[in-house]
Amino acid sequence: MAEPKVIIGLETHVQLNTKSKLFCGCPTIGLEKPNTRVCDVCLGLPGTKPRLNKAVLEKAIAVALALNCKINKLVPWNRKSYFYPDMCKNYQITQYDMPLAYDGYLMLDFEGKKKKIRIRRIHIEEDPAKLIHVGGDITKAEYVLVDYNRSGVPLIEIVTEPDIESPQEARAYLSKLVSILEHLGVYDITNYVLKSDANVNITGTERTEVKNISGIKAVVKALSYEVTRHKNMLRRGVKPMRETRHYNPKTGLTHALRTKETEEDYGYIVDPDLSWISISSELIKQIKASLPELPDERAKRFVKDYGLNQEQANALINDKALADFYEECVKEYGEPVTIAKWIVTELLKSFNYHGITLRESNVKVSEFLELFKLMDEKIITARMAKELVKAYVDTSKSPKTLVAEQGLRRISKTEELLGVVKKVIKENAEAVKDYKSGQEKALHFLVGQVMKETKGQAEPNKVREIIKKKLLKQL
């Protein structure tokens, strides 16, 4: 029996990094004491009139263009009504049947293949307030507190078609999306958390929606759980119903919230307090002309100008901070291919081990480049440098400091290595026999044993030379 196909669509909410909210002058960042960054407008008090923040519109159009979307020239605002207490006025201002942008796409390089993820729509809306569930999660809280500081903060919602086929592909899509947003300068990953609603099912099951998942890692975990849950239910002969679920990051599980509502349940109407947005062709051209270098263009430049392969370029541009770090290293030291190799194979490996990114580490350009200067000065070997990368990420102590503290140095003098070589030859008679019978890989083994004995401080080429001479009885 064929494995059922996984079908995933994502609705990702991105907080735009404007200074003020969508429809009023209240700051988006500042004093975090609850209910202090508010005014009559973002609280939705009677008689107030919202006014559109122009910067929000311009940033949203930039995102739409970067995602290859078509743009509606005339866009209304809508009121979306629901029963939660996170909007004082009991509705959210959003865009419904005529969104800002539609029919776009994002191209992925996933598992060695090109994959197009279609973008169904992008619309602007206001963020609701923050609900604080006291005494439990959303399903078991004793009571709920409401902080309206976040109410009215500008969001764009990016909705995909159900083109994603695995949680891992969802991770790749969201990572690429964040890279695009950061290159555009419209999103600040250090201050804002990406939130997604994930629609997921497998062939033969009803779609479930997991609401308000914060961060990329949590999306992957929530989707993985849901895919497994759907498959297990099918094996038991039970079909999952269409419903809305909540993801608990502490347990890694999802819980049923309610039977999935339809769009009609939200009672969308055109907002009479806001004029329709009129977007001119001239404004679109102006914003398009001002777009910065985007990730795909940057990757092509890395391949063309720096001589990187496509895999290295993709790994670097997937995180803007990492791509910037790489270019700073190249500017300071040169050797673009060598620098890329060490970042992609050694530095990223250490970050992944700790589950962190460059931003979350204490790695600095000047200190990272110490590794190459220490190798250039023949103080350390490449193998020692690999271990120093791990120790640097672990401890935040610079490579020079670690070398001084541990007394590390490169050993290349024959008299210093001869004793170790003799010991290794004596303890590995079988490998010696294999080498003498013509098996070259036995020599690599013996070199490796010497490197192990010297804790990576020996110069491999010198070790190989001494072993060969010793086995030929020239020493």
Foldseek 3Di string as FASTA:
>chain_A
DDDWFKWKKKKKKAFWPDQAFAFDRFGLDDDPDFAPSDDCVLLVPPPDFGDGDVVLVLLLLLLCVLQAWDADQWFFWKWFADDDPQHNVRTWIKGDPHAGTAFGWDWFCDPNDIDIWTWGGKHKIADTWDKDFDPDDPVDGPDIDTGSSRRRRIIMITITGRRDGALVSLLRVVLQSVLQSVLQVTHDVVPDWMWMWMWIDTPPAAIEIEGTQTHSVLSSLARVQVHVVQVVCVVVVHHDAYFYWYADPVVSYIGGDGHDDDSVVRVMDGDPSDGIRRHDPVSSVVSVVPGGQGLVNQLVCCCVVVVEDSVLSNVQSSHVVSVVLLVVLCVVPNPSHVSSCCCVPQLVVLCVVVVHDPVPFLDDSVLLCVLVVCVVVQFAPPVVSSVLSNVCRVPVDGSVVVCVVVVAGADQDCVVQVVLLVVLCVVCVVLLVVVVVPDVVSLVVSLVSSCVVVVNRYDSVSSSVSNVCVSVVVD
